[in-house]
Amino acid sequence: MAAMKLFAFYCRDGEHGEVFRQHTQEALVEHFEEHARDFVVAGPLGKGDKIVGSLLIIKADDEADARQKLEAVPYFEMGVWQSIRADEFHPLFGEWAPDLSKPG
């Protein structure tokens, strides 16, 4: 079985993101509890005290699968995010990187 790929989604909130977040917070927590295995990390992006977006790193077979998982997140359904940038993520160093000291 091939290893899952990682996809980073950089999501910027729209004009009414703060209001939409408030109305969707409970559903968001429930979604992440139910689908935790699909995410490496997910959380808000901020500027000072203001939340301006979200960063999600999703485990998936391919980008289409990752996008499907993103589109199931309540913030997506509610329209919290005005723009979404997606890229495959290849960790090289740090906790998510493969252990390079072990033979492959």
C-alpha atoms as a PDB file:
ATOM      1  CA  MET A   1       0.000   0.000   0.000  1.00  0.00           C
ATOM      2  CA  ALA A   2       1.436   3.376  -1.018  1.00  0.00           C
ATOM      3  CA  ALA A   3       2.016   6.011   1.627  1.00  0.00           C
ATOM      4  CA  MET A   4      -0.541   8.775   1.811  1.00  0.00           C
ATOM      5  CA  LYS A   5       0.497  12.099   0.330  1.00  0.00           C
ATOM      6  CA  LEU A   6       0.199  15.381   2.218  1.00  0.00           C
ATOM      7  CA  PHE A   7      -1.614  18.426   0.834  1.00  0.00           C
ATOM      8  CA  ALA A   8      -1.388  21.877   2.383  1.00  0.00           C
ATOM      9  CA  PHE A   9      -4.448  24.103   2.087  1.00  0.00           C
ATOM     10  CA  TYR A  10      -3.948  27.788   2.825  1.00  0.00           C
ATOM     11  CA  CYS A  11      -7.429  29.247   3.238  1.00  0.00           C
ATOM     12  CA  ARG A  12      -8.114  32.977   3.592  1.00  0.00           C
ATOM     13  CA  ASP A  13     -11.348  34.135   5.209  1.00  0.00           C
ATOM     14  CA  GLY A  14     -13.884  36.213   3.342  1.00  0.00           C
ATOM     15  CA  GLU A  15     -15.447  39.455   4.500  1.00  0.00           C
ATOM     16  CA  HIS A  16     -17.899  37.711   6.849  1.00  0.00           C
ATOM     17  CA  GLY A  17     -15.546  34.933   7.951  1.00  0.00           C
ATOM     18  CA  GLU A  18     -15.725  35.846  11.631  1.00  0.00           C
ATOM     19  CA  VAL A  19     -19.529  35.614  11.738  1.00  0.00           C
ATOM     20  CA  PHE A  20     -19.579  32.395   9.715  1.00  0.00           C
ATOM     21  CA  ARG A  21     -16.914  30.869  12.010  1.00  0.00           C
ATOM     22  CA  GLN A  22     -19.062  31.598  15.076  1.00  0.00           C
ATOM     23  CA  HIS A  23     -22.083  29.855  13.555  1.00  0.00           C
ATOM     24  CA  THR A  24     -20.072  26.835  12.438  1.00  0.00           C
ATOM     25  CA  GLN A  25     -17.648  26.275  15.349  1.00  0.00           C
ATOM     26  CA  GLU A  26     -19.529  23.385  16.998  1.00  0.00           C
ATOM     27  CA  ALA A  27     -19.982  21.522  13.697  1.00  0.00           C
ATOM     28  CA  LEU A  28     -16.292  22.093  12.905  1.00  0.00           C
ATOM     29  CA  VAL A  29     -15.132  20.514  16.166  1.00  0.00           C
ATOM     30  CA  GLU A  30     -17.445  17.532  15.618  1.00  0.00           C
ATOM     31  CA  HIS A  31     -16.137  17.120  12.068  1.00  0.00           C
ATOM     32  CA  PHE A  32     -12.493  17.115  13.172  1.00  0.00           C
ATOM     33  CA  GLU A  33     -13.228  14.648  15.976  1.00  0.00           C
ATOM     34  CA  GLU A  34     -14.886  12.295  13.481  1.00  0.00           C
ATOM     35  CA  HIS A  35     -12.266  12.723  10.727  1.00  0.00           C
ATOM     36  CA  ALA A  36      -9.077  13.301  12.743  1.00  0.00           C
ATOM     37  CA  ARG A  37      -7.220  10.564  10.840  1.00  0.00           C
ATOM     38  CA  ASP A  38      -7.465  12.635   7.628  1.00  0.00           C
ATOM     39  CA  PHE A  39      -5.583  15.638   9.037  1.00  0.00           C
ATOM     40  CA  VAL A  40      -1.947  16.117  10.024  1.00  0.00           C
ATOM     41  CA  VAL A  41      -2.771  19.549  11.409  1.00  0.00           C
ATOM     42  CA  ALA A  42      -5.555  22.101  11.121  1.00  0.00           C
ATOM     43  CA  GLY A  43      -5.966  25.472  12.758  1.00  0.00           C
ATOM     44  CA  PRO A  44      -6.533  29.185  12.397  1.00  0.00           C
ATOM     45  CA  LEU A  45      -4.146  31.744  10.942  1.00  0.00           C
ATOM     46  CA  GLY A  46      -4.018  35.095  12.692  1.00  0.00           C
ATOM     47  CA  LYS A  47      -2.867  38.669  12.497  1.00  0.00           C
ATOM     48  CA  GLY A  48      -2.734  39.986  16.030  1.00  0.00           C
ATOM     49  CA  ASP A  49      -6.049  39.128  17.689  1.00  0.00           C
ATOM     50  CA  LYS A  50      -7.893  38.608  14.387  1.00  0.00           C
ATOM     51  CA  ILE A  51      -8.344  35.248  12.661  1.00  0.00           C
ATOM     52  CA  VAL A  52      -7.678  35.702   8.948  1.00  0.00           C
ATOM     53  CA  GLY A  53      -7.813  32.142   7.668  1.00  0.00           C
ATOM     54  CA  SER A  54      -6.904  28.519   8.232  1.00  0.00           C
ATOM     55  CA  LEU A  55      -4.076  26.135   7.466  1.00  0.00           C
ATOM     56  CA  LEU A  56      -4.934  22.487   6.953  1.00  0.00           C
ATOM     57  CA  ILE A  57      -2.580  19.682   6.014  1.00  0.00           C
ATOM     58  CA  ILE A  58      -4.606  16.751   4.767  1.00  0.00           C
ATOM     59  CA  LYS A  59      -3.538  13.143   4.184  1.00  0.00           C
ATOM     60  CA  ALA A  60      -4.899  11.768   0.924  1.00  0.00           C
ATOM     61  CA  ASP A  61      -4.179   9.519  -2.040  1.00  0.00           C
ATOM     62  CA  ASP A  62      -4.168  12.470  -4.466  1.00  0.00           C
ATOM     63  CA  GLU A  63      -5.191  16.118  -4.698  1.00  0.00           C
ATOM     64  CA  ALA A  64      -8.757  15.275  -5.752  1.00  0.00           C
ATOM     65  CA  ASP A  65      -9.174  13.120  -2.625  1.00  0.00           C
ATOM     66  CA  ALA A  66      -7.672  15.887  -0.462  1.00  0.00           C
ATOM     67  CA  ARG A  67     -10.013  18.485  -1.969  1.00  0.00           C
ATOM     68  CA  GLN A  68     -12.994  16.219  -1.304  1.00  0.00           C
ATOM     69  CA  LYS A  69     -11.947  15.999   2.357  1.00  0.00           C
ATOM     70  CA  LEU A  70     -11.513  19.790   2.511  1.00  0.00           C
ATOM     71  CA  GLU A  71     -14.924  20.400   0.962  1.00  0.00           C
ATOM     72  CA  ALA A  72     -16.519  18.290   3.722  1.00  0.00           C
ATOM     73  CA  VAL A  73     -15.189  20.690   6.400  1.00  0.00           C
ATOM     74  CA  PRO A  74     -18.084  22.832   7.711  1.00  0.00           C
ATOM     75  CA  TYR A  75     -16.138  26.079   7.134  1.00  0.00           C
ATOM     76  CA  PHE A  76     -16.001  25.246   3.419  1.00  0.00           C
ATOM     77  CA  GLU A  77     -19.706  24.454   3.276  1.00  0.00           C
ATOM     78  CA  MET A  78     -20.582  27.675   5.161  1.00  0.00           C
ATOM     79  CA  GLY A  79     -18.409  29.857   2.925  1.00  0.00           C
ATOM     80  CA  VAL A  80     -15.953  31.016   5.601  1.00  0.00           C
ATOM     81  CA  TRP A  81     -13.051  30.937   3.145  1.00  0.00           C
ATOM     82  CA  GLN A  82     -12.894  33.350   0.230  1.00  0.00           C
ATOM     83  CA  SER A  83      -9.764  31.875  -1.327  1.00  0.00           C
ATOM     84  CA  ILE A  84      -8.031  28.524  -1.070  1.00  0.00           C
ATOM     85  CA  ARG A  85      -4.550  27.669  -2.260  1.00  0.00           C
ATOM     86  CA  ALA A  86      -3.525  24.009  -2.377  1.00  0.00           C
ATOM     87  CA  ASP A  87      -0.138  22.417  -2.879  1.00  0.00           C
ATOM     88  CA  GLU A  88       1.282  18.982  -2.276  1.00  0.00           C
ATOM     89  CA  PHE A  89       3.554  19.159   0.770  1.00  0.00           C
ATOM     90  CA  HIS A  90       6.839  17.254   0.988  1.00  0.00           C
ATOM     91  CA  PRO A  91       8.249  17.492   4.524  1.00  0.00           C
ATOM     92  CA  LEU A  92      12.026  17.417   4.470  1.00  0.00           C
ATOM     93  CA  PHE A  93      12.946  18.379   8.030  1.00  0.00           C
ATOM     94  CA  GLY A  94      11.094  18.323  11.346  1.00  0.00           C
ATOM     95  CA  GLU A  95       8.563  16.079  13.015  1.00  0.00           C
ATOM     96  CA  TRP A  96       6.646  15.217   9.826  1.00  0.00           C
ATOM     97  CA  ALA A  97       9.717  14.436   7.750  1.00  0.00           C
ATOM     98  CA  PRO A  98      10.728  10.854   7.052  1.00  0.00           C
ATOM     99  CA  ASP A  99      13.556   9.608   9.220  1.00  0.00           C
ATOM    100  CA  LEU A 100      16.507   9.972   6.845  1.00  0.00           C
ATOM    101  CA  SER A 101      18.808   8.030   9.161  1.00  0.00           C
ATOM    102  CA  LYS A 102      16.930   4.781   8.523  1.00  0.00           C
ATOM    103  CA  PRO A 103      17.753   2.812   5.376  1.00  0.00           C
ATOM    104  CA  GLY A 104      14.971   3.082   2.872  1.00  0.00           C
END
